[in-house]
Every structure is written in C-alpha cells, then in structure tokens.
Amino acid sequence: MIGDIIRQKRKERGISLSELSRMTGVSKSYLSYIERGMKKNPSIEVTKRILKTLNLPITVITSKEETRDSREEYHY
C-alpha cells in the first residue's frame, strides 16, 4: 500500500509528518490519512510531490502493485 511505503521511507529519512507537510505543501492531516490507509488513492500530483521530496522513483509504488497483481493474475 502506498501509505505504508511513504511512512517507511519518511521514517528512514528521519522526517516528521510536519516536516514532510512543509516540504510538499500537502497538509499534515492529509499525509496522515495517506499513511494510515484512509486515503488509498491520492492524486498523481500529490503522490509525485511526496515521492520527489523523499527522493523516490515512481516505481517504488508501482512495482509492488504490479508484483501483487501479477501473482493474483497467474495464480490458478
């Protein structure tokens, strides 16, 4: 889930939610919703801002989704 990835990478970098909010221009409460899975599909613009700030490629979220989908698709 995108929120889990964002939380993990944010914490690895020692960035608080408040700092990430300031750096991205995304409200702290909205970031919290994303991280807790309450907002599962943030807009691509918001997602790009967060990933850019955390210096992460977009593939960090798409590759996990594709892997999960592939396993489901080919599981007989």
N, C-alpha and C. Protein backbone atom coordinates (compact mmCIF):
# COMPACT_ATOMS: atom_id res chain seq x y z
N MET A 1 0.84 -1.18 0.00
CA MET A 1 0.00 0.00 0.00
C MET A 1 0.89 1.25 0.00
N ILE A 2 0.49 2.22 -0.74
CA ILE A 2 1.29 3.45 -0.90
C ILE A 2 1.60 4.12 0.44
N GLY A 3 0.62 4.15 1.33
CA GLY A 3 0.82 4.79 2.62
C GLY A 3 1.90 4.14 3.44
N ASP A 4 1.96 2.81 3.41
CA ASP A 4 2.99 2.08 4.14
C ASP A 4 4.38 2.42 3.62
N ILE A 5 4.49 2.51 2.30
CA ILE A 5 5.78 2.83 1.69
C ILE A 5 6.21 4.24 2.06
N ILE A 6 5.28 5.19 1.97
CA ILE A 6 5.60 6.58 2.30
C ILE A 6 6.03 6.69 3.76
N ARG A 7 5.28 6.08 4.66
CA ARG A 7 5.63 6.14 6.09
C ARG A 7 7.01 5.54 6.33
N GLN A 8 7.27 4.36 5.76
CA GLN A 8 8.56 3.70 5.96
C GLN A 8 9.71 4.58 5.47
N LYS A 9 9.59 5.10 4.27
CA LYS A 9 10.68 5.90 3.71
C LYS A 9 10.84 7.22 4.45
N ARG A 10 9.73 7.82 4.87
CA ARG A 10 9.79 9.07 5.63
C ARG A 10 10.54 8.83 6.95
N LYS A 11 10.19 7.76 7.63
CA LYS A 11 10.83 7.46 8.92
C LYS A 11 12.30 7.09 8.74
N GLU A 12 12.62 6.35 7.67
CA GLU A 12 14.02 6.01 7.39
C GLU A 12 14.87 7.26 7.23
N ARG A 13 14.27 8.31 6.70
CA ARG A 13 14.99 9.56 6.46
C ARG A 13 14.90 10.52 7.65
N GLY A 14 14.19 10.11 8.69
CA GLY A 14 14.09 10.93 9.90
C GLY A 14 13.27 12.20 9.70
N ILE A 15 12.26 12.13 8.84
CA ILE A 15 11.41 13.29 8.55
C ILE A 15 10.07 13.12 9.26
N SER A 16 9.67 14.13 10.00
CA SER A 16 8.37 14.09 10.67
C SER A 16 7.25 14.40 9.68
N LEU A 17 6.02 14.10 10.07
CA LEU A 17 4.88 14.44 9.22
C LEU A 17 4.81 15.95 9.00
N SER A 18 5.10 16.70 10.05
CA SER A 18 5.07 18.16 9.93
C SER A 18 6.10 18.65 8.92
N GLU A 19 7.29 18.07 8.97
CA GLU A 19 8.33 18.46 8.02
C GLU A 19 7.94 18.09 6.59
N LEU A 20 7.41 16.88 6.42
CA LEU A 20 7.01 16.45 5.09
C LEU A 20 5.89 17.34 4.55
N SER A 21 4.99 17.74 5.42
CA SER A 21 3.92 18.64 5.04
C SER A 21 4.48 19.97 4.54
N ARG A 22 5.40 20.51 5.28
CA ARG A 22 6.03 21.78 4.90
C ARG A 22 6.79 21.65 3.59
N MET A 23 7.48 20.54 3.41
CA MET A 23 8.30 20.34 2.23
C MET A 23 7.48 20.09 0.96
N THR A 24 6.31 19.47 1.11
CA THR A 24 5.49 19.10 -0.05
C THR A 24 4.35 20.06 -0.32
N GLY A 25 3.94 20.81 0.71
CA GLY A 25 2.76 21.65 0.56
C GLY A 25 1.46 20.86 0.71
N VAL A 26 1.57 19.63 1.18
CA VAL A 26 0.40 18.78 1.44
C VAL A 26 0.13 18.84 2.93
N SER A 27 -1.13 19.01 3.31
CA SER A 27 -1.45 19.15 4.72
C SER A 27 -1.02 17.93 5.53
N LYS A 28 -0.66 18.17 6.77
CA LYS A 28 -0.24 17.11 7.67
C LYS A 28 -1.35 16.08 7.84
N SER A 29 -2.58 16.55 7.96
CA SER A 29 -3.70 15.61 8.15
C SER A 29 -3.90 14.73 6.91
N TYR A 30 -3.74 15.32 5.73
CA TYR A 30 -3.89 14.53 4.50
C TYR A 30 -2.78 13.50 4.39
N LEU A 31 -1.55 13.89 4.71
CA LEU A 31 -0.44 12.94 4.71
C LEU A 31 -0.70 11.80 5.69
N SER A 32 -1.23 12.14 6.85
CA SER A 32 -1.56 11.13 7.84
C SER A 32 -2.62 10.17 7.32
N TYR A 33 -3.64 10.69 6.65
CA TYR A 33 -4.67 9.84 6.05
C TYR A 33 -4.05 8.87 5.04
N ILE A 34 -3.15 9.38 4.23
CA ILE A 34 -2.50 8.53 3.23
C ILE A 34 -1.70 7.42 3.92
N GLU A 35 -0.90 7.80 4.90
CA GLU A 35 -0.05 6.82 5.59
C GLU A 35 -0.87 5.77 6.33
N ARG A 36 -2.00 6.15 6.87
CA ARG A 36 -2.84 5.20 7.61
C ARG A 36 -3.81 4.43 6.73
N GLY A 37 -3.75 4.67 5.43
CA GLY A 37 -4.59 3.94 4.50
C GLY A 37 -6.02 4.43 4.42
N MET A 38 -6.29 5.59 5.01
CA MET A 38 -7.64 6.15 4.97
C MET A 38 -7.89 6.85 3.64
N LYS A 39 -6.82 7.23 2.98
CA LYS A 39 -6.89 7.82 1.63
C LYS A 39 -6.01 6.93 0.77
N LYS A 40 -6.62 5.97 0.09
CA LYS A 40 -5.86 4.95 -0.62
C LYS A 40 -5.39 5.37 -2.00
N ASN A 41 -6.04 6.35 -2.60
CA ASN A 41 -5.68 6.76 -3.95
C ASN A 41 -5.49 8.28 -4.04
N PRO A 42 -4.41 8.78 -3.45
CA PRO A 42 -4.16 10.22 -3.59
C PRO A 42 -3.91 10.56 -5.06
N SER A 43 -4.14 11.79 -5.41
CA SER A 43 -3.94 12.20 -6.81
C SER A 43 -2.49 11.98 -7.22
N ILE A 44 -2.27 11.86 -8.50
CA ILE A 44 -0.92 11.66 -9.02
C ILE A 44 -0.04 12.87 -8.69
N GLU A 45 -0.63 14.06 -8.69
CA GLU A 45 0.14 15.26 -8.37
C GLU A 45 0.66 15.22 -6.93
N VAL A 46 -0.21 14.87 -6.00
CA VAL A 46 0.19 14.76 -4.59
C VAL A 46 1.23 13.65 -4.43
N THR A 47 0.98 12.53 -5.06
CA THR A 47 1.91 11.41 -4.98
C THR A 47 3.29 11.80 -5.52
N LYS A 48 3.32 12.48 -6.66
CA LYS A 48 4.59 12.90 -7.24
C LYS A 48 5.33 13.87 -6.32
N ARG A 49 4.60 14.79 -5.69
CA ARG A 49 5.26 15.73 -4.77
C ARG A 49 5.90 15.00 -3.59
N ILE A 50 5.17 14.03 -3.04
CA ILE A 50 5.69 13.28 -1.90
C ILE A 50 6.91 12.46 -2.31
N LEU A 51 6.79 11.75 -3.42
CA LEU A 51 7.91 10.92 -3.87
C LEU A 51 9.13 11.75 -4.23
N LYS A 52 8.91 12.88 -4.87
CA LYS A 52 10.03 13.77 -5.22
C LYS A 52 10.73 14.27 -3.95
N THR A 53 9.95 14.65 -2.97
CA THR A 53 10.51 15.15 -1.71
C THR A 53 11.32 14.07 -1.01
N LEU A 54 10.82 12.84 -1.04
CA LEU A 54 11.53 11.73 -0.40
C LEU A 54 12.60 11.13 -1.31
N ASN A 55 12.77 11.72 -2.51
CA ASN A 55 13.75 11.27 -3.48
C ASN A 55 13.54 9.81 -3.86
N LEU A 56 12.29 9.47 -4.17
CA LEU A 56 11.92 8.11 -4.55
C LEU A 56 11.38 8.09 -5.97
N PRO A 57 11.71 7.05 -6.73
CA PRO A 57 11.15 6.93 -8.08
C PRO A 57 9.70 6.46 -7.99
N ILE A 58 8.92 6.77 -8.99
CA ILE A 58 7.51 6.36 -9.02
C ILE A 58 7.40 4.83 -8.98
N THR A 59 8.43 4.14 -9.46
CA THR A 59 8.40 2.68 -9.47
C THR A 59 8.35 2.07 -8.08
N VAL A 60 8.71 2.84 -7.07
CA VAL A 60 8.66 2.30 -5.71
C VAL A 60 7.23 1.95 -5.31
N ILE A 61 6.26 2.62 -5.89
CA ILE A 61 4.87 2.27 -5.59
C ILE A 61 4.26 1.39 -6.66
N THR A 62 4.67 1.56 -7.90
CA THR A 62 4.06 0.78 -8.97
C THR A 62 4.59 -0.65 -9.01
N SER A 63 5.85 -0.85 -8.69
CA SER A 63 6.42 -2.19 -8.78
C SER A 63 5.78 -3.13 -7.77
N LYS A 64 5.50 -2.67 -6.57
CA LYS A 64 4.84 -3.52 -5.58
C LYS A 64 3.43 -3.86 -6.01
N GLU A 65 2.72 -2.89 -6.56
CA GLU A 65 1.36 -3.14 -7.03
C GLU A 65 1.37 -4.13 -8.19
N GLU A 66 2.31 -3.96 -9.11
CA GLU A 66 2.38 -4.86 -10.25
C GLU A 66 2.72 -6.28 -9.81
N THR A 67 3.64 -6.41 -8.86
CA THR A 67 4.02 -7.72 -8.36
C THR A 67 2.82 -8.41 -7.74
N ARG A 68 2.10 -7.69 -6.90
CA ARG A 68 0.93 -8.27 -6.26
C ARG A 68 -0.11 -8.65 -7.31
N ASP A 69 -0.35 -7.79 -8.27
CA ASP A 69 -1.34 -8.08 -9.33
C ASP A 69 -0.90 -9.27 -10.16
N SER A 70 0.37 -9.38 -10.45
CA SER A 70 0.87 -10.49 -11.27
C SER A 70 0.65 -11.80 -10.56
N ARG A 71 0.92 -11.85 -9.27
CA ARG A 71 0.71 -13.09 -8.54
C ARG A 71 -0.75 -13.48 -8.55
N GLU A 72 -1.62 -12.51 -8.37
CA GLU A 72 -3.05 -12.81 -8.39
C GLU A 72 -3.50 -13.24 -9.76
N GLU A 73 -2.98 -12.60 -10.78
CA GLU A 73 -3.40 -12.90 -12.15
C GLU A 73 -3.00 -14.30 -12.58
N TYR A 74 -1.82 -14.75 -12.18
CA TYR A 74 -1.32 -16.03 -12.64
C TYR A 74 -1.52 -17.15 -11.62
N HIS A 75 -2.19 -16.88 -10.55
CA HIS A 75 -2.45 -17.91 -9.54
C HIS A 75 -3.68 -18.71 -9.97
N TYR A 76 -3.47 -20.01 -10.17
CA TYR A 76 -4.58 -20.86 -10.64
C TYR A 76 -5.09 -21.74 -9.53
